[in-house]
Amino acid sequence: MTFDERLERLTERHEALTQTVELMAAENWERNRMWDEKMGQWDKQMSQVMESIARRLHIAEIPEHRIERLEGN
């Protein structure tokens, strides 16, 4: 194998590796975008759940406070 053939083969391998890395980077970027979108949805849903729990806790505490007032505590 001549020097030029070896250089040509190395160049081809380098180009193939470069394309592979570019594809991996694009896939990673897309995966991160989708993950960020899902996490945003999850955060919104968790906020709604936490607000709902807080409202229900407040509702559950109202009778307890009434009883305490009636008992004079």
Protein backbone atom coordinates (compact mmCIF):
# COMPACT_ATOMS: atom_id res chain seq x y z
CA MET A 1 0.00 0.00 0.00
CA THR A 2 1.47 3.32 -1.04
CA PHE A 3 1.59 6.43 1.05
CA ASP A 4 -1.13 8.07 -1.08
CA GLU A 5 -3.39 5.03 -0.67
CA ARG A 6 -2.88 5.08 3.07
CA LEU A 7 -3.58 8.80 3.19
CA GLU A 8 -6.74 8.31 1.11
CA ARG A 9 -7.92 5.53 3.42
CA LEU A 10 -7.27 7.64 6.52
CA THR A 11 -9.15 10.53 4.94
CA GLU A 12 -12.15 8.27 4.23
CA ARG A 13 -12.12 6.95 7.79
CA HIS A 14 -11.87 10.48 9.16
CA GLU A 15 -14.85 11.58 7.06
CA ALA A 16 -16.87 8.55 8.18
CA LEU A 17 -16.07 9.29 11.84
CA THR A 18 -16.96 12.95 11.36
CA GLN A 19 -20.35 12.00 9.91
CA THR A 20 -20.96 9.58 12.77
CA VAL A 21 -20.17 12.23 15.37
CA GLU A 22 -22.42 14.75 13.60
CA LEU A 23 -25.30 12.24 13.56
CA MET A 24 -24.78 11.45 17.23
CA ALA A 25 -24.75 15.16 18.08
CA ALA A 26 -27.98 15.73 16.14
CA GLU A 27 -29.67 12.79 17.86
CA ASN A 28 -28.50 14.01 21.24
CA TRP A 29 -29.80 17.52 20.55
CA GLU A 30 -33.19 16.13 19.53
CA ARG A 31 -33.32 13.87 22.59
CA ASN A 32 -32.50 16.83 24.86
CA ARG A 33 -35.19 18.95 23.21
CA MET A 34 -37.79 16.23 23.72
CA TRP A 35 -36.65 15.70 27.33
CA ASP A 36 -36.91 19.43 28.06
CA GLU A 37 -40.41 19.47 26.59
CA LYS A 38 -41.51 16.47 28.67
CA MET A 39 -39.97 17.92 31.83
CA GLY A 40 -41.81 21.19 31.24
CA GLN A 41 -45.08 19.29 30.98
CA TRP A 42 -44.24 17.26 34.07
CA ASP A 43 -43.39 20.41 36.05
CA LYS A 44 -46.71 21.97 35.06
CA GLN A 45 -48.63 18.85 36.07
CA MET A 46 -46.79 18.60 39.38
CA SER A 47 -47.56 22.25 40.12
CA GLN A 48 -51.24 21.57 39.49
CA VAL A 49 -51.16 18.52 41.76
CA MET A 50 -49.44 20.45 44.53
CA GLU A 51 -51.96 23.32 44.27
CA SER A 52 -54.81 20.80 44.41
CA ILE A 53 -53.34 19.15 47.49
CA ALA A 54 -52.91 22.52 49.19
CA ARG A 55 -56.56 23.43 48.47
CA ARG A 56 -57.80 20.11 49.80
CA LEU A 57 -55.66 20.44 52.91
CA HIS A 58 -57.16 23.87 53.55
CA ILE A 59 -60.67 22.46 53.09
CA ALA A 60 -59.90 19.59 55.47
CA GLU A 61 -58.59 21.99 58.13
CA ILE A 62 -61.72 24.20 58.16
CA PRO A 63 -63.89 21.81 60.21
CA GLU A 64 -61.01 21.21 62.61
CA HIS A 65 -60.71 24.93 63.28
CA ARG A 66 -64.47 25.20 63.80
CA ILE A 67 -64.39 22.37 66.32
CA GLU A 68 -61.50 23.99 68.17
CA ARG A 69 -63.41 27.29 68.34
CA LEU A 70 -66.54 25.54 69.60
CA GLU A 71 -64.54 23.70 72.25
CA GLY A 72 -62.87 26.94 73.29
CA ASN A 73 -59.28 25.88 72.47
